[in-house]
Amino acid sequence: MLGAVLRGPVSPIPPLFPAPGRPLIHLSRRLPTAPAMADAKKTDAPATPAPEPPEKPLPGDCCGSGCVRCVWDIYYDELQDYKEALAAHAAAADPSGDKASADEKKTES
């Protein structure tokens, strides 16, 4: 019976790919132009978040015995690092790169 099926008329196999003269994908209708993509990258890019300020110690956190590394010493060291990181963040976020405007922002706060 299998022999009869194999000897019978053979149906043509449909083509899996379109003819070579016809493109597979029409990119011009689906993708935006290069300048539009560049503009989208500029506007869609998430801004770098500002650094978080250090947590201020509670009044009961200091034992008052004059420790070498008091919680307040650590807090003020972290606060200084935070101010420097915040100034660097502001300078990076300033599109003009004008150092004078960054200095003005620093003196205002």
PDB file of N, CA and C in Angstrom:
ATOM      1  N   MET A   1       0.827  -1.180   0.000  1.00  0.00           N
ATOM      2  CA  MET A   1       0.000   0.000   0.000  1.00  0.00           C
ATOM      3  C   MET A   1       0.881   1.257   0.000  1.00  0.00           C
ATOM      4  N   LEU A   2       1.955   1.238   0.735  1.00  0.00           N
ATOM      5  CA  LEU A   2       2.865   2.371   0.754  1.00  0.00           C
ATOM      6  C   LEU A   2       3.456   2.597  -0.626  1.00  0.00           C
ATOM      7  N   GLY A   3       3.742   1.511  -1.326  1.00  0.00           N
ATOM      8  CA  GLY A   3       4.290   1.633  -2.670  1.00  0.00           C
ATOM      9  C   GLY A   3       3.328   2.329  -3.605  1.00  0.00           C
ATOM     10  N   ALA A   4       2.025   2.092  -3.460  1.00  0.00           N
ATOM     11  CA  ALA A   4       1.041   2.729  -4.320  1.00  0.00           C
ATOM     12  C   ALA A   4       0.962   4.223  -4.049  1.00  0.00           C
ATOM     13  N   VAL A   5       1.119   4.589  -2.814  1.00  0.00           N
ATOM     14  CA  VAL A   5       1.063   6.020  -2.462  1.00  0.00           C
ATOM     15  C   VAL A   5       2.286   6.733  -3.022  1.00  0.00           C
ATOM     16  N   LEU A   6       3.438   6.104  -2.929  1.00  0.00           N
ATOM     17  CA  LEU A   6       4.649   6.748  -3.401  1.00  0.00           C
ATOM     18  C   LEU A   6       4.701   6.829  -4.919  1.00  0.00           C
ATOM     19  N   ARG A   7       4.079   5.881  -5.618  1.00  0.00           N
ATOM     20  CA  ARG A   7       4.114   5.898  -7.076  1.00  0.00           C
ATOM     21  C   ARG A   7       3.031   6.791  -7.670  1.00  0.00           C
ATOM     22  N   GLY A   8       2.109   7.253  -6.870  1.00  0.00           N
ATOM     23  CA  GLY A   8       1.019   8.081  -7.376  1.00  0.00           C
ATOM     24  C   GLY A   8       1.522   9.461  -7.784  1.00  0.00           C
ATOM     25  N   PRO A   9       0.600  10.318  -8.228  1.00  0.00           N
ATOM     26  CA  PRO A   9       1.005  11.654  -8.648  1.00  0.00           C
ATOM     27  C   PRO A   9       1.596  12.439  -7.465  1.00  0.00           C
ATOM     28  N   VAL A  10       2.652  13.137  -7.746  1.00  0.00           N
ATOM     29  CA  VAL A  10       3.354  13.907  -6.724  1.00  0.00           C
ATOM     30  C   VAL A  10       2.885  15.356  -6.796  1.00  0.00           C
ATOM     31  N   SER A  11       2.430  15.864  -5.651  1.00  0.00           N
ATOM     32  CA  SER A  11       2.012  17.275  -5.633  1.00  0.00           C
ATOM     33  C   SER A  11       3.245  18.137  -5.386  1.00  0.00           C
ATOM     34  N   PRO A  12       3.312  19.303  -5.989  1.00  0.00           N
ATOM     35  CA  PRO A  12       4.489  20.153  -5.794  1.00  0.00           C
ATOM     36  C   PRO A  12       4.513  20.701  -4.366  1.00  0.00           C
ATOM     37  N   ILE A  13       5.700  20.841  -3.846  1.00  0.00           N
ATOM     38  CA  ILE A  13       5.874  21.407  -2.504  1.00  0.00           C
ATOM     39  C   ILE A  13       5.813  22.930  -2.635  1.00  0.00           C
ATOM     40  N   PRO A  14       4.983  23.558  -1.815  1.00  0.00           N
ATOM     41  CA  PRO A  14       4.891  25.024  -1.917  1.00  0.00           C
ATOM     42  C   PRO A  14       6.206  25.663  -1.479  1.00  0.00           C
ATOM     43  N   PRO A  15       6.560  26.788  -2.073  1.00  0.00           N
ATOM     44  CA  PRO A  15       7.824  27.448  -1.706  1.00  0.00           C
ATOM     45  C   PRO A  15       7.747  27.986  -0.276  1.00  0.00           C
ATOM     46  N   LEU A  16       8.841  27.849   0.435  1.00  0.00           N
ATOM     47  CA  LEU A  16       8.908  28.354   1.798  1.00  0.00           C
ATOM     48  C   LEU A  16       9.284  29.833   1.844  1.00  0.00           C
ATOM     49  N   PHE A  17      10.005  30.289   0.856  1.00  0.00           N
ATOM     50  CA  PHE A  17      10.453  31.665   0.803  1.00  0.00           C
ATOM     51  C   PHE A  17       9.883  32.339  -0.431  1.00  0.00           C
ATOM     52  N   PRO A  18       9.666  33.640  -0.365  1.00  0.00           N
ATOM     53  CA  PRO A  18       9.160  34.335  -1.557  1.00  0.00           C
ATOM     54  C   PRO A  18      10.194  34.326  -2.670  1.00  0.00           C
ATOM     55  N   ALA A  19       9.737  34.691  -3.813  1.00  0.00           N
ATOM     56  CA  ALA A  19      10.622  34.743  -4.980  1.00  0.00           C
ATOM     57  C   ALA A  19      11.756  35.727  -4.706  1.00  0.00           C
ATOM     58  N   PRO A  20      12.961  35.506  -5.253  1.00  0.00           N
ATOM     59  CA  PRO A  20      14.110  36.367  -4.981  1.00  0.00           C
ATOM     60  C   PRO A  20      13.885  37.830  -5.332  1.00  0.00           C
ATOM     61  N   GLY A  21      13.028  38.136  -6.279  1.00  0.00           N
ATOM     62  CA  GLY A  21      12.795  39.522  -6.677  1.00  0.00           C
ATOM     63  C   GLY A  21      11.972  40.303  -5.663  1.00  0.00           C
ATOM     64  N   ARG A  22      11.333  39.636  -4.729  1.00  0.00           N
ATOM     65  CA  ARG A  22      10.455  40.293  -3.769  1.00  0.00           C
ATOM     66  C   ARG A  22      11.144  40.343  -2.390  1.00  0.00           C
ATOM     67  N   PRO A  23      11.271  41.501  -1.759  1.00  0.00           N
ATOM     68  CA  PRO A  23      11.955  41.570  -0.455  1.00  0.00           C
ATOM     69  C   PRO A  23      11.126  40.879   0.634  1.00  0.00           C
ATOM     70  N   LEU A  24      11.825  40.354   1.623  1.00  0.00           N
ATOM     71  CA  LEU A  24      11.151  39.692   2.725  1.00  0.00           C
ATOM     72  C   LEU A  24      10.451  40.694   3.653  1.00  0.00           C
ATOM     73  N   ILE A  25      11.128  41.786   3.941  1.00  0.00           N
ATOM     74  CA  ILE A  25      10.596  42.786   4.863  1.00  0.00           C
ATOM     75  C   ILE A  25      10.730  44.157   4.219  1.00  0.00           C
ATOM     76  N   HIS A  26       9.714  44.955   4.387  1.00  0.00           N
ATOM     77  CA  HIS A  26       9.745  46.329   3.881  1.00  0.00           C
ATOM     78  C   HIS A  26      10.162  47.231   5.041  1.00  0.00           C
ATOM     79  N   LEU A  27      11.452  47.442   5.188  1.00  0.00           N
ATOM     80  CA  LEU A  27      11.977  48.208   6.313  1.00  0.00           C
ATOM     81  C   LEU A  27      11.594  49.678   6.259  1.00  0.00           C
ATOM     82  N   SER A  28      11.466  50.214   5.085  1.00  0.00           N
ATOM     83  CA  SER A  28      11.194  51.642   4.980  1.00  0.00           C
ATOM     84  C   SER A  28       9.841  51.999   5.586  1.00  0.00           C
ATOM     85  N   ARG A  29       8.908  51.077   5.630  1.00  0.00           N
ATOM     86  CA  ARG A  29       7.597  51.365   6.193  1.00  0.00           C
ATOM     87  C   ARG A  29       7.530  51.087   7.689  1.00  0.00           C
ATOM     88  N   ARG A  30       8.467  50.344   8.234  1.00  0.00           N
ATOM     89  CA  ARG A  30       8.344  49.903   9.612  1.00  0.00           C
ATOM     90  C   ARG A  30       9.315  50.570  10.582  1.00  0.00           C
ATOM     91  N   LEU A  31      10.479  50.936  10.136  1.00  0.00           N
ATOM     92  CA  LEU A  31      11.473  51.513  11.030  1.00  0.00           C
ATOM     93  C   LEU A  31      11.546  53.027  10.856  1.00  0.00           C
ATOM     94  N   PRO A  32      11.714  53.770  11.962  1.00  0.00           N
ATOM     95  CA  PRO A  32      11.885  55.211  11.829  1.00  0.00           C
ATOM     96  C   PRO A  32      13.250  55.526  11.225  1.00  0.00           C
ATOM     97  N   THR A  33      13.378  56.727  10.754  1.00  0.00           N
ATOM     98  CA  THR A  33      14.636  57.146  10.144  1.00  0.00           C
ATOM     99  C   THR A  33      15.707  57.301  11.214  1.00  0.00           C
ATOM    100  N   ALA A  34      16.955  57.355  10.813  1.00  0.00           N
ATOM    101  CA  ALA A  34      18.073  57.448  11.754  1.00  0.00           C
ATOM    102  C   ALA A  34      17.995  58.710  12.623  1.00  0.00           C
ATOM    103  N   PRO A  35      17.689  59.918  12.083  1.00  0.00           N
ATOM    104  CA  PRO A  35      17.587  61.086  12.966  1.00  0.00           C
ATOM    105  C   PRO A  35      16.467  60.941  13.992  1.00  0.00           C
ATOM    106  N   ALA A  36      15.358  60.327  13.604  1.00  0.00           N
ATOM    107  CA  ALA A  36      14.258  60.144  14.555  1.00  0.00           C
ATOM    108  C   ALA A  36      14.662  59.191  15.659  1.00  0.00           C
ATOM    109  N   MET A  37      15.436  58.174  15.324  1.00  0.00           N
ATOM    110  CA  MET A  37      15.903  57.239  16.343  1.00  0.00           C
ATOM    111  C   MET A  37      16.883  57.914  17.288  1.00  0.00           C
ATOM    112  N   ALA A  38      17.745  58.794  16.768  1.00  0.00           N
ATOM    113  CA  ALA A  38      18.709  59.498  17.613  1.00  0.00           C
ATOM    114  C   ALA A  38      17.977  60.428  18.581  1.00  0.00           C
ATOM    115  N   ASP A  39      16.931  61.111  18.103  1.00  0.00           N
ATOM    116  CA  ASP A  39      16.150  61.977  18.980  1.00  0.00           C
ATOM    117  C   ASP A  39      15.438  61.166  20.050  1.00  0.00           C
ATOM    118  N   ALA A  40      14.956  59.990  19.689  1.00  0.00           N
ATOM    119  CA  ALA A  40      14.261  59.141  20.654  1.00  0.00           C
ATOM    120  C   ALA A  40      15.218  58.679  21.747  1.00  0.00           C
ATOM    121  N   LYS A  41      16.456  58.400  21.394  1.00  0.00           N
ATOM    122  CA  LYS A  41      17.424  57.978  22.393  1.00  0.00           C
ATOM    123  C   LYS A  41      17.701  59.097  23.386  1.00  0.00           C
ATOM    124  N   LYS A  42      17.744  60.331  22.906  1.00  0.00           N
ATOM    125  CA  LYS A  42      18.021  61.455  23.791  1.00  0.00           C
ATOM    126  C   LYS A  42      16.878  61.682  24.771  1.00  0.00           C
ATOM    127  N   THR A  43      15.634  61.591  24.307  1.00  0.00           N
ATOM    128  CA  THR A  43      14.500  61.892  25.162  1.00  0.00           C
ATOM    129  C   THR A  43      14.089  60.717  26.025  1.00  0.00           C
ATOM    130  N   ASP A  44      14.323  59.492  25.575  1.00  0.00           N
ATOM    131  CA  ASP A  44      13.891  58.323  26.327  1.00  0.00           C
ATOM    132  C   ASP A  44      14.909  57.862  27.350  1.00  0.00           C
ATOM    133  N   ALA A  45      16.130  58.379  27.285  1.00  0.00           N
ATOM    134  CA  ALA A  45      17.167  57.923  28.204  1.00  0.00           C
ATOM    135  C   ALA A  45      16.803  58.366  29.624  1.00  0.00           C
ATOM    136  N   PRO A  46      16.760  57.418  30.557  1.00  0.00           N
ATOM    137  CA  PRO A  46      16.420  57.807  31.919  1.00  0.00           C
ATOM    138  C   PRO A  46      17.547  58.628  32.537  1.00  0.00           C
ATOM    139  N   ALA A  47      17.156  59.630  33.285  1.00  0.00           N
ATOM    140  CA  ALA A  47      18.150  60.481  33.940  1.00  0.00           C
ATOM    141  C   ALA A  47      18.791  59.713  35.084  1.00  0.00           C
ATOM    142  N   THR A  48      20.047  59.997  35.308  1.00  0.00           N
ATOM    143  CA  THR A  48      20.746  59.367  36.415  1.00  0.00           C
ATOM    144  C   THR A  48      20.169  59.919  37.714  1.00  0.00           C
ATOM    145  N   PRO A  49      19.759  59.039  38.612  1.00  0.00           N
ATOM    146  CA  PRO A  49      19.157  59.555  39.851  1.00  0.00           C
ATOM    147  C   PRO A  49      20.184  60.279  40.705  1.00  0.00           C
ATOM    148  N   ALA A  50      19.700  61.269  41.421  1.00  0.00           N
ATOM    149  CA  ALA A  50      20.580  62.027  42.322  1.00  0.00           C
ATOM    150  C   ALA A  50      20.980  61.132  43.489  1.00  0.00           C
ATOM    151  N   PRO A  51      22.158  61.358  44.050  1.00  0.00           N
ATOM    152  CA  PRO A  51      22.575  60.535  45.193  1.00  0.00           C
ATOM    153  C   PRO A  51      21.667  60.763  46.394  1.00  0.00           C
ATOM    154  N   GLU A  52      21.552  59.739  47.200  1.00  0.00           N
ATOM    155  CA  GLU A  52      20.718  59.813  48.402  1.00  0.00           C
ATOM    156  C   GLU A  52      21.513  60.451  49.542  1.00  0.00           C
ATOM    157  N   PRO A  53      20.878  61.339  50.310  1.00  0.00           N
ATOM    158  CA  PRO A  53      21.597  61.938  51.443  1.00  0.00           C
ATOM    159  C   PRO A  53      21.800  60.895  52.549  1.00  0.00           C
ATOM    160  N   PRO A  54      22.816  61.078  53.367  1.00  0.00           N
ATOM    161  CA  PRO A  54      23.031  60.118  54.457  1.00  0.00           C
ATOM    162  C   PRO A  54      21.939  60.248  55.515  1.00  0.00           C
ATOM    163  N   GLU A  55      21.731  59.166  56.228  1.00  0.00           N
ATOM    164  CA  GLU A  55      20.714  59.172  57.279  1.00  0.00           C
ATOM    165  C   GLU A  55      21.291  59.837  58.534  1.00  0.00           C
ATOM    166  N   LYS A  56      20.562  60.823  59.019  1.00  0.00           N
ATOM    167  CA  LYS A  56      21.020  61.555  60.201  1.00  0.00           C
ATOM    168  C   LYS A  56      20.807  60.682  61.437  1.00  0.00           C
ATOM    169  N   PRO A  57      21.819  60.586  62.300  1.00  0.00           N
ATOM    170  CA  PRO A  57      21.663  59.770  63.512  1.00  0.00           C
ATOM    171  C   PRO A  57      20.587  60.346  64.435  1.00  0.00           C
ATOM    172  N   LEU A  58      19.934  59.476  65.139  1.00  0.00           N
ATOM    173  CA  LEU A  58      18.945  59.905  66.126  1.00  0.00           C
ATOM    174  C   LEU A  58      19.673  60.390  67.378  1.00  0.00           C
ATOM    175  N   PRO A  59      19.025  61.218  68.192  1.00  0.00           N
ATOM    176  CA  PRO A  59      19.706  61.721  69.400  1.00  0.00           C
ATOM    177  C   PRO A  59      20.206  60.605  70.314  1.00  0.00           C
ATOM    178  N   GLY A  60      19.530  59.488  70.368  1.00  0.00           N
ATOM    179  CA  GLY A  60      19.943  58.395  71.247  1.00  0.00           C
ATOM    180  C   GLY A  60      21.031  57.514  70.650  1.00  0.00           C
ATOM    181  N   ASP A  61      21.432  57.746  69.377  1.00  0.00           N
ATOM    182  CA  ASP A  61      22.461  56.924  68.747  1.00  0.00           C
ATOM    183  C   ASP A  61      23.854  57.215  69.298  1.00  0.00           C
ATOM    184  N   CYS A  62      24.082  58.413  69.781  1.00  0.00           N
ATOM    185  CA  CYS A  62      25.393  58.783  70.340  1.00  0.00           C
ATOM    186  C   CYS A  62      25.385  58.466  71.836  1.00  0.00           C
ATOM    187  N   CYS A  63      26.431  57.756  72.259  1.00  0.00           N
ATOM    188  CA  CYS A  63      26.504  57.365  73.675  1.00  0.00           C
ATOM    189  C   CYS A  63      27.033  58.496  74.558  1.00  0.00           C
ATOM    190  N   GLY A  64      27.664  59.500  73.929  1.00  0.00           N
ATOM    191  CA  GLY A  64      28.160  60.641  74.678  1.00  0.00           C
ATOM    192  C   GLY A  64      29.448  60.381  75.451  1.00  0.00           C
ATOM    193  N   SER A  65      30.136  59.276  75.165  1.00  0.00           N
ATOM    194  CA  SER A  65      31.361  58.961  75.911  1.00  0.00           C
ATOM    195  C   SER A  65      32.621  59.400  75.173  1.00  0.00           C
ATOM    196  N   GLY A  66      32.488  60.129  74.088  1.00  0.00           N
ATOM    197  CA  GLY A  66      33.657  60.636  73.370  1.00  0.00           C
ATOM    198  C   GLY A  66      34.387  59.569  72.570  1.00  0.00           C
ATOM    199  N   CYS A  67      33.663  58.707  71.898  1.00  0.00           N
ATOM    200  CA  CYS A  67      34.275  57.648  71.087  1.00  0.00           C
ATOM    201  C   CYS A  67      35.171  58.251  70.006  1.00  0.00           C
ATOM    202  N   VAL A  68      36.158  57.481  69.574  1.00  0.00           N
ATOM    203  CA  VAL A  68      37.066  57.943  68.530  1.00  0.00           C
ATOM    204  C   VAL A  68      36.288  58.154  67.226  1.00  0.00           C
ATOM    205  N   ARG A  69      35.423  57.217  66.860  1.00  0.00           N
ATOM    206  CA  ARG A  69      34.586  57.360  65.664  1.00  0.00           C
ATOM    207  C   ARG A  69      33.136  57.453  66.114  1.00  0.00           C
ATOM    208  N   CYS A  70      32.727  58.630  66.514  1.00  0.00           N
ATOM    209  CA  CYS A  70      31.358  58.879  66.949  1.00  0.00           C
ATOM    210  C   CYS A  70      30.419  58.778  65.749  1.00  0.00           C
ATOM    211  N   VAL A  71      29.168  58.447  66.017  1.00  0.00           N
ATOM    212  CA  VAL A  71      28.197  58.365  64.919  1.00  0.00           C
ATOM    213  C   VAL A  71      28.052  59.710  64.224  1.00  0.00           C
ATOM    214  N   TRP A  72      28.272  60.803  64.962  1.00  0.00           N
ATOM    215  CA  TRP A  72      28.180  62.127  64.347  1.00  0.00           C
ATOM    216  C   TRP A  72      29.379  62.391  63.435  1.00  0.00           C
ATOM    217  N   ASP A  73      30.549  61.899  63.778  1.00  0.00           N
ATOM    218  CA  ASP A  73      31.716  62.028  62.898  1.00  0.00           C
ATOM    219  C   ASP A  73      31.477  61.288  61.582  1.00  0.00           C
ATOM    220  N   ILE A  74      30.943  60.095  61.702  1.00  0.00           N
ATOM    221  CA  ILE A  74      30.646  59.292  60.506  1.00  0.00           C
ATOM    222  C   ILE A  74      29.600  59.997  59.656  1.00  0.00           C
ATOM    223  N   TYR A  75      28.569  60.546  60.326  1.00  0.00           N
ATOM    224  CA  TYR A  75      27.511  61.247  59.601  1.00  0.00           C
ATOM    225  C   TYR A  75      28.070  62.447  58.831  1.00  0.00           C
ATOM    226  N   TYR A  76      28.915  63.245  59.472  1.00  0.00           N
ATOM    227  CA  TYR A  76      29.454  64.426  58.791  1.00  0.00           C
ATOM    228  C   TYR A  76      30.427  64.048  57.662  1.00  0.00           C
ATOM    229  N   ASP A  77      31.143  62.948  57.814  1.00  0.00           N
ATOM    230  CA  ASP A  77      31.984  62.455  56.710  1.00  0.00           C
ATOM    231  C   ASP A  77      31.112  62.035  55.521  1.00  0.00           C
ATOM    232  N   GLU A  78      30.040  61.311  55.823  1.00  0.00           N
ATOM    233  CA  GLU A  78      29.129  60.885  54.760  1.00  0.00           C
ATOM    234  C   GLU A  78      28.417  62.078  54.135  1.00  0.00           C
ATOM    235  N   LEU A  79      28.097  63.084  54.936  1.00  0.00           N
ATOM    236  CA  LEU A  79      27.447  64.287  54.424  1.00  0.00           C
ATOM    237  C   LEU A  79      28.367  65.034  53.460  1.00  0.00           C
ATOM    238  N   GLN A  80      29.655  65.106  53.777  1.00  0.00           N
ATOM    239  CA  GLN A  80      30.616  65.743  52.883  1.00  0.00           C
ATOM    240  C   GLN A  80      30.714  64.969  51.567  1.00  0.00           C
ATOM    241  N   ASP A  81      30.778  63.629  51.647  1.00  0.00           N
ATOM    242  CA  ASP A  81      30.818  62.799  50.433  1.00  0.00           C
ATOM    243  C   ASP A  81      29.549  62.993  49.607  1.00  0.00           C
ATOM    244  N   TYR A  82      28.412  63.112  50.294  1.00  0.00           N
ATOM    245  CA  TYR A  82      27.140  63.328  49.602  1.00  0.00           C
ATOM    246  C   TYR A  82      27.136  64.666  48.862  1.00  0.00           C
ATOM    247  N   LYS A  83      27.630  65.710  49.496  1.00  0.00           N
ATOM    248  CA  LYS A  83      27.665  67.025  48.843  1.00  0.00           C
ATOM    249  C   LYS A  83      28.561  67.001  47.608  1.00  0.00           C
ATOM    250  N   GLU A  84      29.695  66.300  47.699  1.00  0.00           N
ATOM    251  CA  GLU A  84      30.585  66.183  46.535  1.00  0.00           C
ATOM    252  C   GLU A  84      29.927  65.386  45.415  1.00  0.00           C
ATOM    253  N   ALA A  85      29.241  64.306  45.770  1.00  0.00           N
ATOM    254  CA  ALA A  85      28.552  63.493  44.763  1.00  0.00           C
ATOM    255  C   ALA A  85      27.402  64.272  44.135  1.00  0.00           C
ATOM    256  N   LEU A  86      26.717  65.068  44.934  1.00  0.00           N
ATOM    257  CA  LEU A  86      25.615  65.882  44.422  1.00  0.00           C
ATOM    258  C   LEU A  86      26.138  66.954  43.461  1.00  0.00           C
ATOM    259  N   ALA A  87      27.270  67.557  43.779  1.00  0.00           N
ATOM    260  CA  ALA A  87      27.867  68.551  42.884  1.00  0.00           C
ATOM    261  C   ALA A  87      28.308  67.895  41.575  1.00  0.00           C
ATOM    262  N   ALA A  88      28.870  66.689  41.660  1.00  0.00           N
ATOM    263  CA  ALA A  88      29.266  65.969  40.440  1.00  0.00           C
ATOM    264  C   ALA A  88      28.046  65.595  39.612  1.00  0.00           C
ATOM    265  N   HIS A  89      26.965  65.218  40.278  1.00  0.00           N
ATOM    266  CA  HIS A  89      25.729  64.879  39.572  1.00  0.00           C
ATOM    267  C   HIS A  89      25.153  66.109  38.871  1.00  0.00           C
ATOM    268  N   ALA A  90      25.175  67.241  39.552  1.00  0.00           N
ATOM    269  CA  ALA A  90      24.659  68.476  38.961  1.00  0.00           C
ATOM    270  C   ALA A  90      25.508  68.901  37.770  1.00  0.00           C
ATOM    271  N   ALA A  91      26.825  68.723  37.879  1.00  0.00           N
ATOM    272  CA  ALA A  91      27.707  69.082  36.766  1.00  0.00           C
ATOM    273  C   ALA A  91      27.483  68.161  35.573  1.00  0.00           C
ATOM    274  N   ALA A  92      27.229  66.880  35.822  1.00  0.00           N
ATOM    275  CA  ALA A  92      26.982  65.935  34.735  1.00  0.00           C
ATOM    276  C   ALA A  92      25.620  66.182  34.091  1.00  0.00           C
ATOM    277  N   ALA A  93      24.652  66.635  34.873  1.00  0.00           N
ATOM    278  CA  ALA A  93      23.314  66.885  34.349  1.00  0.00           C
ATOM    279  C   ALA A  93      23.226  68.215  33.612  1.00  0.00           C
ATOM    280  N   ASP A  94      24.175  69.129  33.851  1.00  0.00           N
ATOM    281  CA  ASP A  94      24.176  70.440  33.204  1.00  0.00           C
ATOM    282  C   ASP A  94      24.607  70.267  31.755  1.00  0.00           C
ATOM    283  N   PRO A  95      23.689  70.456  30.784  1.00  0.00           N
ATOM    284  CA  PRO A  95      24.040  70.222  29.384  1.00  0.00           C
ATOM    285  C   PRO A  95      25.075  71.202  28.838  1.00  0.00           C
ATOM    286  N   SER A  96      25.127  72.415  29.381  1.00  0.00           N
ATOM    287  CA  SER A  96      26.071  73.392  28.853  1.00  0.00           C
ATOM    288  C   SER A  96      27.475  73.158  29.379  1.00  0.00           C
ATOM    289  N   GLY A  97      27.576  72.473  30.517  1.00  0.00           N
ATOM    290  CA  GLY A  97      28.884  72.215  31.110  1.00  0.00           C
ATOM    291  C   GLY A  97      29.496  73.467  31.702  1.00  0.00           C
ATOM    292  N   ASP A  98      28.665  74.464  31.985  1.00  0.00           N
ATOM    293  CA  ASP A  98      29.140  75.732  32.520  1.00  0.00           C
ATOM    294  C   ASP A  98      29.460  75.585  34.000  1.00  0.00           C
ATOM    295  N   LYS A  99      30.714  75.737  34.362  1.00  0.00           N
ATOM    296  CA  LYS A  99      31.154  75.559  35.740  1.00  0.00           C
ATOM    297  C   LYS A  99      30.599  76.672  36.627  1.00  0.00           C
ATOM    298  N   ALA A 100      30.414  77.864  36.093  1.00  0.00           N
ATOM    299  CA  ALA A 100      29.905  78.982  36.895  1.00  0.00           C
ATOM    300  C   ALA A 100      28.489  78.699  37.382  1.00  0.00           C
ATOM    301  N   SER A 101      27.635  78.141  36.516  1.00  0.00           N
ATOM    302  CA  SER A 101      26.266  77.856  36.944  1.00  0.00           C
ATOM    303  C   SER A 101      26.245  76.741  37.975  1.00  0.00           C
ATOM    304  N   ALA A 102      27.152  75.766  37.863  1.00  0.00           N
ATOM    305  CA  ALA A 102      27.235  74.699  38.859  1.00  0.00           C
ATOM    306  C   ALA A 102      27.694  75.269  40.194  1.00  0.00           C
ATOM    307  N   ASP A 103      28.619  76.245  40.170  1.00  0.00           N
ATOM    308  CA  ASP A 103      29.081  76.872  41.399  1.00  0.00           C
ATOM    309  C   ASP A 103      27.977  77.695  42.049  1.00  0.00           C
ATOM    310  N   GLU A 104      27.141  78.335  41.211  1.00  0.00           N
ATOM    311  CA  GLU A 104      26.031  79.111  41.752  1.00  0.00           C
ATOM    312  C   GLU A 104      25.038  78.205  42.445  1.00  0.00           C
ATOM    313  N   LYS A 105      24.761  77.048  41.849  1.00  0.00           N
ATOM    314  CA  LYS A 105      23.837  76.098  42.466  1.00  0.00           C
ATOM    315  C   LYS A 105      24.399  75.609  43.787  1.00  0.00           C
ATOM    316  N   LYS A 106      25.701  75.436  43.840  1.00  0.00           N
ATOM    317  CA  LYS A 106      26.348  74.927  45.040  1.00  0.00           C
ATOM    318  C   LYS A 106      26.246  75.943  46.177  1.00  0.00           C
ATOM    319  N   THR A 107      26.417  77.238  45.862  1.00  0.00           N
ATOM    320  CA  THR A 107      26.373  78.258  46.895  1.00  0.00           C
ATOM    321  C   THR A 107      24.945  78.530  47.358  1.00  0.00           C
ATOM    322  N   GLU A 108      23.953  78.251  46.488  1.00  0.00           N
ATOM    323  CA  GLU A 108      22.564  78.473  46.877  1.00  0.00           C
ATOM    324  C   GLU A 108      22.107  77.466  47.909  1.00  0.00           C
ATOM    325  N   SER A 109      22.616  76.240  47.861  1.00  0.00           N
ATOM    326  CA  SER A 109      22.138  75.206  48.785  1.00  0.00           C
ATOM    327  C   SER A 109      22.864  75.192  50.089  1.00  0.00           C
TER     328      SER A 109
END
